Amino acid sequence: MRQDLVESAARHFAQHGLERANINTIAVAAGFAKGTVYNYFSSKEALFGEVLAEACRRAVQRYSRLEHGDSVRDRLTALVRADVSVLRDEEAFMKVLLREAMSFRRETYPIIVANLAPFLGLVEDILARGVRSKEIRADLPLSQRALLFVGLLALLFVQHWGSDGEWPTLNALPELVVSAFLEGAAPRGAPRRRRAGRVKR
C-alpha cells in the first residue's frame, strides 16, 4: 500500500507540482480512501520527500548493476549515467523536484536534502575512495564536496531542459558534469593557486 501511494504521488506531483498537489487525490488515484496517506506520511511534503528518496534509491541500484572502472572518474560517470536513466523514466517529476530545490523554501529544502541521502551517500563513498587514492583533494569535507557535485548535476539538468535538449544532451551530460567537477576551468597541467592566507616558508 505504501509503495502504491508513492507511485501515485510521483505521477500527481509531476502533473501538479508540490504546491498544488492534493493529498486526498493521491490516495484516491492509488485506489484507497481519502486520508490514507496520513497512515504512512505526516504531510504532503514528507510524501514528496519519499518520492525523491525512491528516485535516489533507483539510481543507486542501477549504478550497482553498471560495469565501471575503479577510478573516481569512472565511478562518478557511471553514477550520473544511472541517474540520467532514472530521469528518463521520471522526467516530469524530476522537473518538479528541481524547481522546488532551486526556488528554495525553508520548509521543503531540508526535506529535499535529507531524502537525497541514498545518492549523496554514494557520492561521498566514491569521493572518499578518491581521497585515499590521492585522486581527490581533502581540503573540503566530503559532505560539502558531494553537495557541490549534486548541485552541478542539477544545474546541468536545468540547462538541458532550458535549451530544449540542445546542450548538454543527456548522453553527453555524464562526461560533462564529471569533467567539470574534477577538472574545473583551469587548463590541464596548470599550477594550483596557493590558498589565500598561507605564508610561504
Protein backbone atom coordinates (compact mmCIF):
# COMPACT_ATOMS: atom_id res chain seq x y z
CA MET A 1 0.00 0.00 0.00
CA ARG A 2 2.81 2.42 0.90
CA GLN A 3 4.55 1.79 -2.43
CA ASP A 4 1.29 2.29 -4.34
CA LEU A 5 0.87 5.67 -2.62
CA VAL A 6 4.43 6.69 -3.51
CA GLU A 7 3.91 5.78 -7.17
CA SER A 8 0.59 7.63 -7.28
CA ALA A 9 2.25 10.64 -5.63
CA ALA A 10 5.06 10.69 -8.20
CA ARG A 11 2.54 10.89 -11.03
CA HIS A 12 0.48 13.53 -9.22
CA PHE A 13 3.45 15.73 -8.27
CA ALA A 14 4.73 15.52 -11.84
CA GLN A 15 1.40 16.83 -13.14
CA HIS A 16 0.51 19.38 -10.49
CA GLY A 17 3.72 20.29 -8.66
CA LEU A 18 4.10 20.25 -4.90
CA GLU A 19 2.17 23.39 -4.05
CA ARG A 20 -0.98 22.46 -6.00
CA ALA A 21 -0.88 18.75 -5.16
CA ASN A 22 -3.83 17.31 -3.25
CA ILE A 23 -3.06 14.52 -0.82
CA ASN A 24 -6.59 13.05 -0.95
CA THR A 25 -6.47 12.93 -4.74
CA ILE A 26 -3.22 11.00 -4.47
CA ALA A 27 -4.84 8.43 -2.17
CA VAL A 28 -7.95 8.00 -4.35
CA ALA A 29 -5.83 7.64 -7.50
CA ALA A 30 -3.94 4.83 -5.77
CA GLY A 31 -7.26 3.10 -5.03
CA PHE A 32 -7.53 3.99 -1.34
CA ALA A 33 -9.78 6.13 0.81
CA LYS A 34 -9.16 9.80 1.46
CA GLY A 35 -6.81 10.33 4.35
CA THR A 36 -4.97 7.03 3.80
CA VAL A 37 -1.74 8.90 3.09
CA TYR A 38 -1.61 10.07 6.71
CA ASN A 39 -1.31 6.46 7.87
CA TYR A 40 2.16 6.48 6.32
CA PHE A 41 3.28 10.10 5.91
CA SER A 42 2.90 13.07 8.21
CA SER A 43 2.41 15.63 5.44
CA LYS A 44 2.35 16.24 1.71
CA GLU A 45 5.97 17.43 1.97
CA ALA A 46 7.03 14.19 3.68
CA LEU A 47 5.39 12.21 0.87
CA PHE A 48 7.22 14.36 -1.68
CA GLY A 49 10.47 13.56 0.14
CA GLU A 50 9.77 9.84 -0.05
CA VAL A 51 9.17 10.06 -3.81
CA LEU A 52 12.57 11.74 -4.10
CA ALA A 53 14.22 9.10 -1.89
CA GLU A 54 12.74 6.36 -4.07
CA ALA A 55 14.22 8.00 -7.20
CA CYS A 56 17.60 8.18 -5.45
CA ARG A 57 17.42 4.53 -4.46
CA ARG A 58 16.67 3.57 -8.06
CA ALA A 59 19.72 5.49 -9.28
CA VAL A 60 21.91 3.77 -6.68
CA GLN A 61 20.54 0.35 -7.63
CA ARG A 62 21.12 0.98 -11.33
CA TYR A 63 24.65 2.17 -10.60
CA SER A 64 25.36 -1.08 -8.75
CA ARG A 65 24.44 -3.02 -11.91
CA LEU A 66 26.64 -0.97 -14.26
CA GLU A 67 30.14 -2.02 -15.21
CA HIS A 68 32.71 0.65 -14.46
CA GLY A 69 36.37 1.07 -13.66
CA ASP A 70 37.89 1.73 -10.25
CA SER A 71 38.83 5.40 -10.71
CA VAL A 72 36.81 8.23 -9.21
CA ARG A 73 36.10 9.48 -12.72
CA ASP A 74 34.76 6.10 -13.85
CA ARG A 75 32.61 5.65 -10.76
CA LEU A 76 31.12 9.16 -10.86
CA THR A 77 30.44 8.87 -14.58
CA ALA A 78 28.63 5.56 -14.05
CA LEU A 79 26.59 7.09 -11.23
CA VAL A 80 25.48 10.01 -13.41
CA ARG A 81 24.57 7.59 -16.20
CA ALA A 82 22.39 5.72 -13.71
CA ASP A 83 20.78 8.98 -12.56
CA VAL A 84 20.13 10.04 -16.16
CA SER A 85 18.38 6.72 -16.77
CA VAL A 86 16.06 7.42 -13.81
CA LEU A 87 15.45 10.92 -15.13
CA ARG A 88 14.41 9.49 -18.50
CA ASP A 89 11.79 7.37 -16.70
CA GLU A 90 10.60 10.12 -14.32
CA GLU A 91 11.42 13.33 -16.17
CA ALA A 92 8.24 15.21 -15.26
CA PHE A 93 8.73 14.54 -11.55
CA MET A 94 12.43 15.46 -11.73
CA LYS A 95 11.47 18.83 -13.19
CA VAL A 96 9.17 19.44 -10.23
CA LEU A 97 11.89 18.35 -7.81
CA LEU A 98 14.49 20.70 -9.24
CA ARG A 99 12.03 23.55 -9.35
CA GLU A 100 11.37 23.04 -5.65
CA ALA A 101 15.06 22.75 -4.81
CA MET A 102 16.14 25.79 -6.80
CA SER A 103 13.32 28.06 -5.70
CA PHE A 104 14.36 27.44 -2.07
CA ARG A 105 11.63 27.27 0.51
CA ARG A 106 12.71 26.83 4.13
CA GLU A 107 10.01 24.25 4.78
CA THR A 108 10.94 22.00 1.84
CA TYR A 109 14.69 22.39 1.33
CA PRO A 110 15.70 20.36 4.43
CA ILE A 111 13.30 17.61 3.32
CA ILE A 112 14.89 17.54 -0.13
CA VAL A 113 18.45 17.36 1.22
CA ALA A 114 17.54 14.68 3.79
CA ASN A 115 15.91 12.47 1.16
CA LEU A 116 18.84 12.82 -1.22
CA ALA A 117 20.76 10.71 1.31
CA PRO A 118 20.96 7.49 -0.76
CA PHE A 119 22.51 9.38 -3.68
CA LEU A 120 24.63 11.78 -1.64
CA GLY A 121 25.94 8.92 0.48
CA LEU A 122 27.14 7.06 -2.59
CA VAL A 123 28.83 10.20 -3.95
CA GLU A 124 30.59 10.61 -0.59
CA ASP A 125 31.75 6.98 -0.68
CA ILE A 126 33.19 7.42 -4.17
CA LEU A 127 34.93 10.65 -3.17
CA ALA A 128 36.32 9.03 -0.01
CA ARG A 129 37.97 6.41 -2.21
CA GLY A 130 39.40 9.26 -4.26
CA VAL A 131 40.87 10.95 -1.21
CA ARG A 132 42.55 7.71 -0.16
CA SER A 133 43.96 7.18 -3.66
CA LYS A 134 45.04 10.86 -3.92
CA GLU A 135 42.68 11.46 -6.87
CA ILE A 136 40.64 13.96 -4.83
CA ARG A 137 41.86 16.82 -2.65
CA ALA A 138 40.98 16.60 1.02
CA ASP A 139 40.59 20.32 1.74
CA LEU A 140 36.77 20.22 1.94
CA PRO A 141 34.55 17.89 3.98
CA LEU A 142 33.23 15.08 1.81
CA SER A 143 29.64 16.06 2.60
CA GLN A 144 30.21 19.53 1.15
CA ARG A 145 32.04 18.20 -1.88
CA ALA A 146 29.17 15.74 -2.54
CA LEU A 147 26.67 18.61 -2.41
CA LEU A 148 28.81 20.55 -4.90
CA PHE A 149 28.74 17.59 -7.27
CA VAL A 150 24.98 17.11 -6.98
CA GLY A 151 24.41 20.86 -7.36
CA LEU A 152 26.43 20.92 -10.57
CA LEU A 153 24.49 17.94 -11.87
CA ALA A 154 21.19 19.66 -11.07
CA LEU A 155 22.26 22.86 -12.86
CA LEU A 156 23.17 20.90 -15.98
CA PHE A 157 19.81 19.13 -15.93
CA VAL A 158 18.16 22.56 -15.82
CA GLN A 159 20.37 23.75 -18.69
CA HIS A 160 19.42 20.67 -20.69
CA TRP A 161 15.73 21.43 -20.29
CA GLY A 162 16.20 25.17 -20.80
CA SER A 163 17.93 24.60 -24.13
CA ASP A 164 15.29 22.06 -25.24
CA GLY A 165 17.94 19.36 -25.12
CA GLU A 166 20.40 21.19 -27.37
CA TRP A 167 23.19 21.48 -24.79
CA PRO A 168 24.00 19.39 -22.96
CA THR A 169 22.31 16.33 -24.36
CA LEU A 170 21.50 13.65 -21.82
CA ASN A 171 24.01 11.34 -23.49
CA ALA A 172 26.79 13.92 -23.13
CA LEU A 173 25.87 15.01 -19.62
CA PRO A 174 27.69 12.33 -17.55
CA GLU A 175 31.12 13.07 -19.01
CA LEU A 176 30.49 16.80 -18.92
CA VAL A 177 29.47 17.02 -15.28
CA VAL A 178 32.28 14.74 -14.08
CA SER A 179 34.94 16.61 -16.08
CA ALA A 180 33.69 19.98 -14.85
CA PHE A 181 33.68 18.74 -11.26
CA LEU A 182 37.08 17.06 -11.30
CA GLU A 183 38.98 19.48 -13.52
CA GLY A 184 37.20 22.81 -13.16
CA ALA A 185 38.02 25.52 -15.71
CA ALA A 186 41.81 25.57 -15.30
CA PRO A 187 43.96 24.36 -18.23
CA ARG A 188 45.17 20.83 -17.75
CA GLY A 189 48.50 20.77 -16.00
CA ALA A 190 48.17 24.36 -14.75
CA PRO A 191 49.75 25.00 -11.35
CA ARG A 192 47.27 25.19 -8.49
CA ARG A 193 46.91 28.62 -6.87
CA ARG A 194 48.19 28.95 -3.34
CA ARG A 195 45.30 29.25 -0.90
CA ALA A 196 44.73 32.74 0.47
CA GLY A 197 46.19 33.41 3.90
CA ARG A 198 49.04 30.94 3.62
CA VAL A 199 52.54 32.28 4.10
CA LYS A 200 55.33 30.74 2.12
CA ARG A 201 58.07 29.49 4.43
